[in-house]
Amino acid sequence: MHLQPVILSGGSGTRLWPLSREAYPKQFLPLTGSNSMLQDTALRLDGLVDEHPRLGLLLRDPIIVCNEAHRFLVAEQFRLLGRSPAAILLEPFGRNTAPALTLAALAAAVVGAAGAVGAASEDDPILLVAPADHAIADGEAFRRAVADGALLAEQGAVITFGIVPAKPETGYGYIQQGEKHADAELNGTAYRLHAFVEKPDRETAERYLASGEYLWNSGIFMLRASVWLNLIRRFRPEIAEACELAMAAGRADGEFRRLETAAFKACPSDSIDYAVMERLSQADAAPEHPAIVLPLAAGWSDVGAWSALWEVREQDGEGNVLDGDAFVHQSHNNLLIAQSRLLAAVGVDNLIVVETPDAVLVADRERAQDVKAVTKFLSESQRNEHRHHQRVHRPWGAFESITMGDRYQVKRLTVKPGEALSKQMHHHRAEHWVVVSGTAKVTNDDKTFLLTENQSTYIPVGATHRLENPGTIPLEIIEVQSGSYLGEDDIVRFDDLYDRGGDSGC
């Protein structure tokens, strides 16, 4: 069986502000270990083939579906793992999970006759579809469930994984199990999917837990590529048509696959649950493709809020989770994260305190879901703290603002070896570059020259210029900007190695 992982990396993670920002959301952060959540998702299937040899699984490299603005973050995180995705599909607009899975299925398979049912093959792999930003503590238990899912999906079933609930949670949707699905080859027990249920109130959640019939909706699915394409064409043909047009008229851009923008913009937004799964749960909707739920008890969390992160992180004897330079005294059940300075808490309980170089969050742990009110305020106030960290990542490296005032700003730029900023010009600002370490290749109008440590140069307003790192170590630059307007959108690009088009920033 050919197994094709599909990782959906379109989330913005606003409820984990200020660590998670629009330009660098939670899936790219190491929230539960040394790897980012995206990296952990990519590594989660390691060992599956050896642990379940009887299946004869052939495991492919993952397909990633992500926001176009995050493409370089995805590529860099896989580079750090020493791995290459099978494809990175770029969404110019967010359209929810059903279109994302349709794009991945089109990329994964050259589908044969519609409705054909045979072995999962190279041109019709089994798709394992998972969000990029979930945590799973017990990888072995997860892989056992995936092995069961592969057996069922090969036969044409559509699989969803339901999380065995640990408490009456009101923040998750639920799945109601139906009758048992008999299959002697499975490691665990499978059930027919009876219904999806919206997030309940507390009393209803307690009733769900007591009944033993309900599971949390994980958002993880398994099915063959041809099955998904057949079902989305049947139930939501307008989604299928828009995605097929966007893929067919798209283009390769190095390691990325770009969609045709107008075609994808016309695509309706819908989730996998609403577009297909709820319809499958209805009697006789598609009897050749039964909807099956597999219970999963593997220490799963969607890490959707600070309270969820407190639950999955290691706690001290007083229930505190400390990350960074943090100190507590006579305090209990707190989550303290310090990124740039000492964070001390004395005599407090049940707090979330998150310190970053440009923002501090203090919240009651029971009110963690309300952090979205902060990001809404920042957006409506046209501030920048919900979009970027103080250190802003770019495909060539990163920059961070050190200080700014009326008509001036000081930044620190780090350019990776072999990388270069775009050739550009500014209408409103001049720049003075000082090399801190490494070697800089500078283009300033018609002159090109090298600078080394402690040397500097001046870029006048209106000059066409470029900064490159021709060396083998990172290039560190102090940039002093001066002028009437210092916004990142004051850039006219003439040439860019990364084909960023209208993206703002260096």
Protein backbone atom coordinates (compact mmCIF):
# COMPACT_ATOMS: atom_id res chain seq x y z
CA MET A 1 0.00 0.00 0.00
CA HIS A 2 1.24 3.48 -0.87
CA LEU A 3 0.66 5.89 2.02
CA GLN A 4 0.80 9.62 1.30
CA PRO A 5 0.92 11.94 4.34
CA VAL A 6 -0.81 15.28 3.78
CA ILE A 7 -0.05 18.06 6.27
CA LEU A 8 -2.44 21.00 6.39
CA SER A 9 -0.50 24.05 7.57
CA GLY A 10 -2.93 26.91 7.07
CA GLY A 11 -3.68 27.92 10.68
CA SER A 12 -2.83 31.28 12.23
CA GLY A 13 -2.86 30.22 15.90
CA THR A 14 -4.12 33.58 17.20
CA ARG A 15 -5.17 32.15 20.58
CA LEU A 16 -1.48 31.54 21.36
CA TRP A 17 -0.54 35.20 20.97
CA PRO A 18 2.03 36.66 21.63
CA LEU A 19 4.21 33.63 20.77
CA SER A 20 2.12 32.83 17.70
CA ARG A 21 1.74 35.62 15.14
CA GLU A 22 0.14 35.70 11.68
CA ALA A 23 3.53 35.76 9.95
CA TYR A 24 4.97 33.05 12.26
CA PRO A 25 2.07 30.96 13.64
CA LYS A 26 2.13 28.15 16.18
CA GLN A 27 2.89 25.28 13.78
CA PHE A 28 6.38 26.74 13.28
CA LEU A 29 7.08 27.06 17.03
CA PRO A 30 8.73 24.48 19.35
CA LEU A 31 5.89 24.53 21.88
CA THR A 32 6.09 20.97 23.21
CA GLY A 33 9.73 19.98 22.57
CA SER A 34 12.84 20.84 20.60
CA ASN A 35 11.13 20.51 17.21
CA SER A 36 8.38 22.72 15.88
CA MET A 37 4.87 21.30 15.72
CA LEU A 38 5.14 21.04 11.93
CA GLN A 39 8.39 19.09 12.26
CA ASP A 40 6.86 16.76 14.86
CA THR A 41 3.92 16.14 12.53
CA ALA A 42 6.31 15.21 9.72
CA LEU A 43 8.30 12.87 11.99
CA ARG A 44 5.27 11.19 13.59
CA LEU A 45 5.08 8.34 11.08
CA ASP A 46 8.74 7.34 11.47
CA GLY A 47 8.74 3.66 12.44
CA LEU A 48 5.33 2.88 10.92
CA VAL A 49 6.70 0.61 8.15
CA ASP A 50 8.94 -1.38 10.52
CA GLU A 51 6.30 -1.64 13.27
CA HIS A 52 3.65 -3.00 10.86
CA PRO A 53 5.53 -5.02 8.22
CA ARG A 54 2.53 -7.21 7.34
CA LEU A 55 0.86 -4.25 5.64
CA GLY A 56 3.66 -3.82 3.11
CA LEU A 57 3.37 -0.05 3.39
CA LEU A 58 5.33 2.24 1.11
CA LEU A 59 5.57 5.59 2.90
CA ARG A 60 5.92 8.68 0.74
CA ASP A 61 7.37 12.07 1.64
CA PRO A 62 4.59 14.41 2.82
CA ILE A 63 2.61 16.89 0.76
CA ILE A 64 2.26 20.23 2.55
CA VAL A 65 -0.60 22.64 1.89
CA CYS A 66 0.20 26.07 3.32
CA ASN A 67 -0.44 29.78 3.14
CA GLU A 68 1.64 31.33 0.37
CA ALA A 69 3.16 33.76 2.87
CA HIS A 70 4.56 30.84 4.93
CA ARG A 71 6.25 28.96 2.09
CA PHE A 72 9.82 29.75 3.07
CA LEU A 73 9.17 28.83 6.70
CA VAL A 74 7.90 25.41 5.61
CA ALA A 75 10.87 24.83 3.30
CA GLU A 76 13.37 25.93 5.95
CA GLN A 77 11.88 23.71 8.67
CA PHE A 78 12.12 20.65 6.43
CA ARG A 79 15.66 21.63 5.44
CA LEU A 80 16.60 21.66 9.13
CA LEU A 81 15.20 18.11 9.41
CA GLY A 82 17.29 17.01 6.42
CA ARG A 83 14.12 16.07 4.53
CA SER A 84 12.27 17.22 1.42
CA PRO A 85 8.47 17.27 1.05
CA ALA A 86 6.96 15.61 -2.00
CA ALA A 87 5.27 18.95 -2.75
CA ILE A 88 4.53 22.29 -1.10
CA LEU A 89 1.20 23.58 -2.40
CA LEU A 90 0.66 27.32 -1.92
CA GLU A 91 -2.79 28.71 -1.17
CA PRO A 92 -3.08 32.41 -2.12
CA PHE A 93 -6.26 32.57 0.00
CA GLY A 94 -7.49 30.49 2.91
CA ARG A 95 -10.41 28.30 1.83
CA ASN A 96 -10.64 25.81 4.74
CA THR A 97 -9.75 22.13 4.73
CA ALA A 98 -11.95 20.63 1.97
CA PRO A 99 -10.27 22.60 -0.86
CA ALA A 100 -6.85 21.99 0.74
CA LEU A 101 -7.41 18.22 0.72
CA THR A 102 -8.71 18.39 -2.86
CA LEU A 103 -5.49 20.09 -3.97
CA ALA A 104 -3.41 17.47 -2.15
CA ALA A 105 -5.38 14.60 -3.69
CA LEU A 106 -4.89 16.04 -7.17
CA ALA A 107 -1.17 16.36 -6.51
CA ALA A 108 -0.89 12.86 -5.03
CA ALA A 109 -2.66 10.84 -7.66
CA VAL A 110 -3.20 10.34 -11.32
CA VAL A 111 -6.61 8.81 -10.80
CA GLY A 112 -7.85 6.04 -13.08
CA ALA A 113 -11.46 5.20 -13.83
CA ALA A 114 -13.89 7.04 -11.57
CA GLY A 115 -15.07 4.85 -8.75
CA ALA A 116 -12.57 2.08 -9.42
CA VAL A 117 -11.86 0.04 -6.30
CA GLY A 118 -8.59 -1.85 -6.18
CA ALA A 119 -5.37 -1.89 -4.20
CA ALA A 120 -3.94 1.42 -3.03
CA SER A 121 -1.33 1.99 -5.70
CA GLU A 122 1.26 4.48 -6.79
CA ASP A 123 -1.31 6.48 -8.74
CA ASP A 124 -4.01 6.15 -6.07
CA PRO A 125 -2.35 6.32 -2.65
CA ILE A 126 -4.00 6.33 0.74
CA LEU A 127 -3.95 9.88 2.11
CA LEU A 128 -3.30 10.46 5.80
CA VAL A 129 -4.52 14.01 6.35
CA ALA A 130 -3.45 15.81 9.52
CA PRO A 131 -3.18 19.40 10.78
CA ALA A 132 0.36 20.70 11.27
CA ASP A 133 -0.26 22.09 14.75
CA HIS A 134 -1.41 19.18 16.93
CA ALA A 135 0.55 17.37 19.64
CA ILE A 136 0.49 13.58 20.12
CA ALA A 137 2.42 12.19 23.08
CA ASP A 138 2.19 8.45 22.27
CA GLY A 139 3.55 8.03 18.75
CA GLU A 140 3.38 4.24 18.84
CA ALA A 141 -0.35 4.27 19.69
CA PHE A 142 -0.93 6.77 16.87
CA ARG A 143 0.89 4.57 14.36
CA ARG A 144 -1.16 1.51 15.43
CA ALA A 145 -4.32 3.47 14.68
CA VAL A 146 -2.89 4.60 11.34
CA ALA A 147 -2.15 0.97 10.44
CA ASP A 148 -5.80 0.10 11.13
CA GLY A 149 -6.90 3.07 9.10
CA ALA A 150 -4.76 1.96 6.15
CA LEU A 151 -6.43 -1.47 6.09
CA LEU A 152 -9.89 0.10 6.04
CA ALA A 153 -9.02 2.89 3.60
CA GLU A 154 -7.57 0.41 1.11
CA GLN A 155 -11.04 -1.18 0.96
CA GLY A 156 -12.62 2.17 0.08
CA ALA A 157 -13.68 3.37 3.55
CA VAL A 158 -13.31 6.96 4.74
CA ILE A 159 -11.65 7.09 8.15
CA THR A 160 -11.73 9.76 10.83
CA PHE A 161 -9.93 9.49 14.15
CA GLY A 162 -11.92 10.29 17.28
CA ILE A 163 -10.01 11.20 20.43
CA VAL A 164 -11.06 9.29 23.54
CA PRO A 165 -12.13 12.17 25.81
CA ALA A 166 -10.37 12.73 29.10
CA LYS A 167 -12.83 15.33 30.40
CA PRO A 168 -16.08 17.09 29.44
CA GLU A 169 -14.43 19.54 27.04
CA THR A 170 -16.57 22.37 25.61
CA GLY A 171 -13.92 23.64 23.18
CA TYR A 172 -14.01 20.69 20.76
CA GLY A 173 -16.52 19.29 18.33
CA TYR A 174 -17.56 15.67 18.95
CA ILE A 175 -18.11 12.51 16.90
CA GLN A 176 -20.88 10.09 17.86
CA GLN A 177 -20.02 6.43 17.32
CA GLY A 178 -22.47 4.06 15.69
CA GLU A 179 -22.40 0.26 15.58
CA LYS A 180 -19.12 -1.65 15.62
CA HIS A 181 -17.43 -2.29 12.29
CA ALA A 182 -16.22 -5.88 12.32
CA ASP A 183 -12.72 -6.53 10.98
CA ALA A 184 -10.58 -9.23 12.56
CA GLU A 185 -7.35 -7.81 11.16
CA LEU A 186 -7.53 -4.54 13.09
CA ASN A 187 -5.40 -3.79 16.15
CA GLY A 188 -8.26 -1.90 17.77
CA THR A 189 -12.00 -1.40 17.41
CA ALA A 190 -13.67 0.51 14.60
CA TYR A 191 -17.18 1.99 14.55
CA ARG A 192 -19.51 3.36 11.91
CA LEU A 193 -19.63 7.14 12.10
CA HIS A 194 -23.09 8.10 13.32
CA ALA A 195 -22.89 11.91 13.52
CA PHE A 196 -20.73 14.98 13.96
CA VAL A 197 -21.78 17.23 16.85
CA GLU A 198 -20.95 20.91 17.37
CA LYS A 199 -19.13 22.18 20.47
CA PRO A 200 -21.46 21.46 23.43
CA ASP A 201 -22.19 23.37 26.62
CA ARG A 202 -20.81 22.00 29.89
CA GLU A 203 -23.87 19.94 30.82
CA THR A 204 -24.06 18.35 27.37
CA ALA A 205 -20.31 17.60 27.37
CA GLU A 206 -20.67 15.82 30.71
CA ARG A 207 -23.51 13.75 29.29
CA TYR A 208 -21.40 12.86 26.24
CA LEU A 209 -18.54 11.73 28.47
CA ALA A 210 -20.79 9.60 30.67
CA SER A 211 -22.41 7.85 27.69
CA GLY A 212 -19.13 6.53 26.25
CA GLU A 213 -20.52 7.06 22.74
CA TYR A 214 -18.78 10.32 21.92
CA LEU A 215 -15.22 11.17 20.91
CA TRP A 216 -13.46 14.48 20.30
CA ASN A 217 -13.13 15.39 16.64
CA SER A 218 -9.38 15.33 15.86
CA GLY A 219 -9.51 16.60 12.27
CA ILE A 220 -7.33 13.66 11.14
CA PHE A 221 -8.58 11.57 8.20
CA MET A 222 -7.54 8.65 6.00
CA LEU A 223 -8.90 7.68 2.57
CA ARG A 224 -7.68 6.93 -0.91
CA ALA A 225 -7.03 9.88 -3.20
CA SER A 226 -9.54 8.66 -5.78
CA VAL A 227 -12.21 8.25 -3.08
CA TRP A 228 -11.86 11.85 -1.93
CA LEU A 229 -11.94 13.19 -5.48
CA ASN A 230 -15.02 11.13 -6.30
CA LEU A 231 -16.82 12.30 -3.14
CA ILE A 232 -15.95 15.99 -3.45
CA ARG A 233 -17.09 15.91 -7.10
CA ARG A 234 -20.35 14.32 -5.99
CA PHE A 235 -21.14 16.45 -2.94
CA ARG A 236 -19.37 19.76 -3.67
CA PRO A 237 -18.67 19.90 -7.43
CA GLU A 238 -17.96 23.63 -7.34
CA ILE A 239 -15.03 23.01 -4.97
CA ALA A 240 -13.69 20.22 -7.16
CA GLU A 241 -13.97 22.32 -10.31
CA ALA A 242 -12.24 25.37 -8.82
CA CYS A 243 -9.38 23.30 -7.41
CA GLU A 244 -8.89 21.38 -10.65
CA LEU A 245 -8.75 24.64 -12.63
CA ALA A 246 -6.39 26.26 -10.12
CA MET A 247 -4.02 23.27 -10.23
CA ALA A 248 -4.13 22.85 -14.01
CA ALA A 249 -3.42 26.54 -14.65
CA GLY A 250 -0.86 26.80 -11.85
CA ARG A 251 2.89 26.62 -12.18
CA ALA A 252 5.96 25.23 -10.50
CA ASP A 253 8.12 27.76 -8.65
CA GLY A 254 11.25 25.91 -7.57
CA GLU A 255 10.19 23.58 -4.77
CA PHE A 256 6.73 25.17 -4.57
CA ARG A 257 3.54 24.67 -6.57
CA ARG A 258 1.57 27.87 -7.14
CA LEU A 259 -2.13 27.89 -7.96
CA GLU A 260 -3.87 30.05 -10.55
CA THR A 261 -5.10 32.87 -8.32
CA ALA A 262 -8.42 33.78 -9.99
CA ALA A 263 -9.58 30.16 -10.18
CA PHE A 264 -8.80 29.47 -6.54
CA LYS A 265 -10.33 32.74 -5.37
CA ALA A 266 -13.63 31.50 -6.82
CA CYS A 267 -13.45 28.31 -4.73
CA PRO A 268 -16.04 28.10 -1.91
CA SER A 269 -14.70 27.74 1.61
CA ASP A 270 -15.72 24.57 3.46
CA SER A 271 -14.36 22.00 5.87
CA ILE A 272 -13.83 18.29 5.26
CA ASP A 273 -16.48 17.62 7.93
CA TYR A 274 -19.23 19.70 6.34
CA ALA A 275 -18.36 19.10 2.69
CA VAL A 276 -18.18 15.30 2.83
CA MET A 277 -18.05 13.59 6.22
CA GLU A 278 -21.46 14.69 7.52
CA ARG A 279 -23.05 13.59 4.24
CA LEU A 280 -21.35 10.21 4.47
CA SER A 281 -22.75 9.67 7.95
CA GLN A 282 -26.26 9.72 6.47
CA ALA A 283 -27.71 6.34 5.55
CA ASP A 284 -26.94 5.14 2.02
CA ALA A 285 -25.19 8.40 1.03
CA ALA A 286 -22.28 6.43 -0.46
CA PRO A 287 -22.49 2.78 0.64
CA GLU A 288 -19.33 1.88 -1.30
CA HIS A 289 -17.40 4.33 0.93
CA PRO A 290 -18.51 3.77 4.54
CA ALA A 291 -17.55 6.44 7.08
CA ILE A 292 -15.60 4.81 9.91
CA VAL A 293 -14.35 6.30 13.16
CA LEU A 294 -11.30 4.86 14.93
CA PRO A 295 -10.97 5.75 18.64
CA LEU A 296 -7.52 7.16 19.41
CA ALA A 297 -6.00 7.34 22.89
CA ALA A 298 -2.53 8.72 22.26
CA GLY A 299 -2.15 11.86 24.38
CA TRP A 300 -3.60 14.12 21.67
CA SER A 301 -4.02 17.89 22.00
CA ASP A 302 -4.74 20.55 19.43
CA VAL A 303 -2.80 23.02 21.65
CA GLY A 304 -5.52 25.49 20.74
CA ALA A 305 -5.08 27.78 23.75
CA TRP A 306 -2.60 28.51 26.53
CA SER A 307 -4.54 26.33 28.95
CA ALA A 308 -4.07 23.36 26.59
CA LEU A 309 -0.33 23.99 26.45
CA TRP A 310 -0.20 24.08 30.26
CA GLU A 311 -1.90 20.66 30.29
CA VAL A 312 0.57 18.97 27.91
CA ARG A 313 3.81 20.48 29.24
CA GLU A 314 5.75 19.04 32.18
CA GLN A 315 4.74 20.66 35.47
CA ASP A 316 6.68 21.09 38.69
CA GLY A 317 5.42 19.89 42.07
CA GLU A 318 3.17 22.94 42.40
CA GLY A 319 1.64 22.57 38.96
CA ASN A 320 3.70 25.34 37.37
CA VAL A 321 5.10 25.17 33.83
CA LEU A 322 8.22 27.32 33.49
CA ASP A 323 9.92 28.10 30.19
CA GLY A 324 12.91 30.43 29.96
CA ASP A 325 14.27 32.63 32.74
CA ALA A 326 11.24 32.26 35.02
CA PHE A 327 10.95 32.09 38.82
CA VAL A 328 7.96 31.33 41.06
CA HIS A 329 7.44 31.62 44.80
CA GLN A 330 4.38 30.25 46.60
CA SER A 331 2.53 30.06 43.29
CA HIS A 332 0.49 27.24 41.79
CA ASN A 333 -0.77 25.99 38.42
CA ASN A 334 0.73 28.79 36.34
CA LEU A 335 2.23 28.83 32.86
CA LEU A 336 5.18 31.23 32.69
CA ILE A 337 7.13 31.76 29.45
CA ALA A 338 10.02 34.24 29.37
CA GLN A 339 11.80 34.95 26.09
CA SER A 340 13.99 37.98 26.74
CA ARG A 341 14.20 38.81 30.46
CA LEU A 342 13.61 37.51 33.97
CA LEU A 343 9.97 36.71 34.72
CA ALA A 344 9.10 36.34 38.43
CA ALA A 345 5.73 35.40 39.92
CA VAL A 346 5.01 35.57 43.66
CA GLY A 347 1.87 34.33 45.40
CA VAL A 348 -0.27 33.89 42.29
CA ASP A 349 -2.28 30.94 41.02
CA ASN A 350 -3.81 29.82 37.71
CA LEU A 351 -2.21 32.49 35.54
CA ILE A 352 -0.85 32.55 32.03
CA VAL A 353 2.10 34.96 31.71
CA VAL A 354 3.93 35.07 28.38
CA GLU A 355 6.75 37.56 27.85
CA THR A 356 8.26 38.33 24.44
CA PRO A 357 10.60 41.18 23.42
CA ASP A 358 7.67 43.34 22.24
CA ALA A 359 4.61 42.18 24.19
CA VAL A 360 3.48 40.63 27.49
CA LEU A 361 0.29 38.64 28.04
CA VAL A 362 -1.25 38.12 31.48
CA ALA A 363 -4.45 36.04 31.60
CA ASP A 364 -6.47 33.86 33.92
CA ARG A 365 -5.90 30.26 32.83
CA GLU A 366 -9.67 29.68 32.71
CA ARG A 367 -10.05 32.62 30.31
CA ALA A 368 -7.34 31.49 27.86
CA GLN A 369 -9.79 31.34 24.94
CA ASP A 370 -10.36 35.10 25.26
CA VAL A 371 -6.86 35.95 24.02
CA LYS A 372 -8.45 36.38 20.60
CA ALA A 373 -9.85 39.67 21.94
CA VAL A 374 -6.29 41.00 22.05
CA THR A 375 -5.51 40.09 18.45
CA LYS A 376 -8.85 41.58 17.36
CA PHE A 377 -7.95 44.84 19.11
CA LEU A 378 -4.49 44.91 17.53
CA SER A 379 -5.94 44.30 14.06
CA GLU A 380 -8.67 46.91 14.42
CA SER A 381 -6.11 49.40 15.76
CA GLN A 382 -3.91 48.76 12.70
CA ARG A 383 -1.01 47.77 14.93
CA ASN A 384 1.64 45.25 13.97
CA GLU A 385 2.07 43.10 17.07
CA HIS A 386 -0.48 40.49 15.94
CA ARG A 387 1.30 39.99 12.60
CA HIS A 388 5.03 40.00 13.32
CA HIS A 389 7.44 39.31 16.13
CA GLN A 390 10.18 41.80 16.85
CA ARG A 391 12.44 39.41 14.91
CA VAL A 392 10.93 39.07 11.44
CA HIS A 393 11.91 36.06 9.32
CA ARG A 394 12.67 36.38 5.63
CA PRO A 395 13.82 33.73 3.12
CA TRP A 396 17.30 35.28 3.16
CA GLY A 397 17.52 35.39 6.98
CA ALA A 398 15.89 37.77 9.47
CA PHE A 399 15.78 41.31 10.77
CA GLU A 400 14.79 42.86 14.07
CA SER A 401 14.13 46.43 15.08
CA ILE A 402 16.50 47.64 17.81
CA THR A 403 15.10 51.14 18.27
CA MET A 404 13.10 53.71 16.37
CA GLY A 405 12.02 57.31 16.68
CA ASP A 406 10.86 60.27 14.61
CA ARG A 407 12.43 59.83 11.13
CA TYR A 408 14.90 57.07 12.12
CA GLN A 409 15.03 53.34 12.83
CA VAL A 410 17.88 50.98 13.71
CA LYS A 411 17.69 47.30 12.65
CA ARG A 412 19.89 44.25 12.95
CA LEU A 413 19.97 42.12 9.77
CA THR A 414 21.18 38.52 9.60
CA VAL A 415 21.78 37.19 6.08
CA LYS A 416 22.34 33.45 5.65
CA PRO A 417 25.37 32.22 3.67
CA GLY A 418 24.78 32.37 -0.07
CA GLU A 419 21.55 34.39 0.26
CA ALA A 420 20.67 37.90 -0.91
CA LEU A 421 18.06 40.57 -0.37
CA SER A 422 16.14 41.74 -3.42
CA LYS A 423 17.59 44.42 -5.67
CA GLN A 424 15.47 47.36 -4.59
CA MET A 425 14.98 51.08 -4.19
CA HIS A 426 13.29 53.30 -1.56
CA HIS A 427 11.44 56.54 -2.27
CA HIS A 428 11.50 57.93 1.27
CA ARG A 429 14.46 56.58 3.22
CA ALA A 430 18.24 56.35 3.13
CA GLU A 431 20.20 53.53 4.78
CA HIS A 432 23.59 53.25 6.44
CA TRP A 433 24.97 49.69 6.73
CA VAL A 434 27.67 48.66 9.23
CA VAL A 435 29.10 45.13 9.04
CA VAL A 436 29.25 43.49 12.48
CA SER A 437 30.50 40.08 11.30
CA GLY A 438 30.92 38.21 8.03
CA THR A 439 31.41 39.58 4.53
CA ALA A 440 28.91 41.71 2.63
CA LYS A 441 28.64 42.10 -1.14
CA VAL A 442 26.99 45.45 -1.78
CA THR A 443 25.47 46.81 -4.96
CA ASN A 444 24.89 50.59 -4.84
CA ASP A 445 23.64 51.88 -8.21
CA ASP A 446 26.44 51.07 -10.68
CA LYS A 447 29.03 50.05 -8.06
CA THR A 448 29.55 46.58 -6.55
CA PHE A 449 32.05 46.02 -3.71
CA LEU A 450 32.83 43.92 -0.62
CA LEU A 451 32.68 45.05 3.00
CA THR A 452 34.11 43.21 6.00
CA GLU A 453 33.83 43.60 9.78
CA ASN A 454 33.63 47.23 11.03
CA GLN A 455 33.34 48.64 7.51
CA SER A 456 30.27 50.59 6.39
CA THR A 457 28.50 52.17 3.43
CA TYR A 458 25.70 54.67 2.74
CA ILE A 459 22.69 54.03 0.48
CA PRO A 460 21.05 57.34 -0.57
CA VAL A 461 17.32 57.81 -1.15
CA GLY A 462 16.42 56.52 -4.61
CA ALA A 463 19.58 54.41 -5.09
CA THR A 464 19.15 50.91 -6.54
CA HIS A 465 20.87 48.57 -4.11
CA ARG A 466 21.28 44.99 -2.97
CA LEU A 467 22.90 43.24 -0.01
CA GLU A 468 24.34 39.72 -0.43
CA ASN A 469 26.29 37.26 1.72
CA PRO A 470 28.96 35.58 -0.45
CA GLY A 471 30.62 33.94 2.56
CA THR A 472 30.19 30.70 4.50
CA ILE A 473 29.14 32.23 7.85
CA PRO A 474 26.08 34.39 8.64
CA LEU A 475 26.42 38.08 7.78
CA GLU A 476 25.40 40.45 10.59
CA ILE A 477 24.57 44.04 9.62
CA ILE A 478 23.45 47.07 11.62
CA GLU A 479 21.17 49.14 9.41
CA VAL A 480 20.36 52.75 10.30
CA GLN A 481 17.37 54.08 8.35
CA SER A 482 16.51 57.77 8.11
CA GLY A 483 13.79 59.55 6.19
CA SER A 484 10.21 60.78 6.11
CA TYR A 485 8.64 57.30 5.91
CA LEU A 486 10.15 54.04 7.18
CA GLY A 487 7.41 51.49 6.46
CA GLU A 488 8.26 48.06 5.04
CA ASP A 489 6.05 48.77 2.01
CA ASP A 490 8.43 51.50 0.76
CA ILE A 491 10.24 49.01 -1.47
CA VAL A 492 10.38 48.93 -5.26
CA ARG A 493 11.79 45.52 -6.30
CA PHE A 494 13.74 45.09 -9.52
CA ASP A 495 14.99 41.54 -8.98
CA ASP A 496 14.28 38.95 -6.30
CA LEU A 497 15.72 35.45 -5.93
CA TYR A 498 12.59 34.30 -4.10
CA ASP A 499 9.88 35.50 -6.53
CA ARG A 500 7.99 37.33 -3.77
CA GLY A 501 6.09 39.64 -6.11
CA GLY A 502 4.08 42.08 -4.01
CA ASP A 503 5.18 40.73 -0.62
CA SER A 504 6.18 43.63 1.59
CA GLY A 505 9.51 43.57 3.39
CA CYS A 506 13.17 43.31 2.45
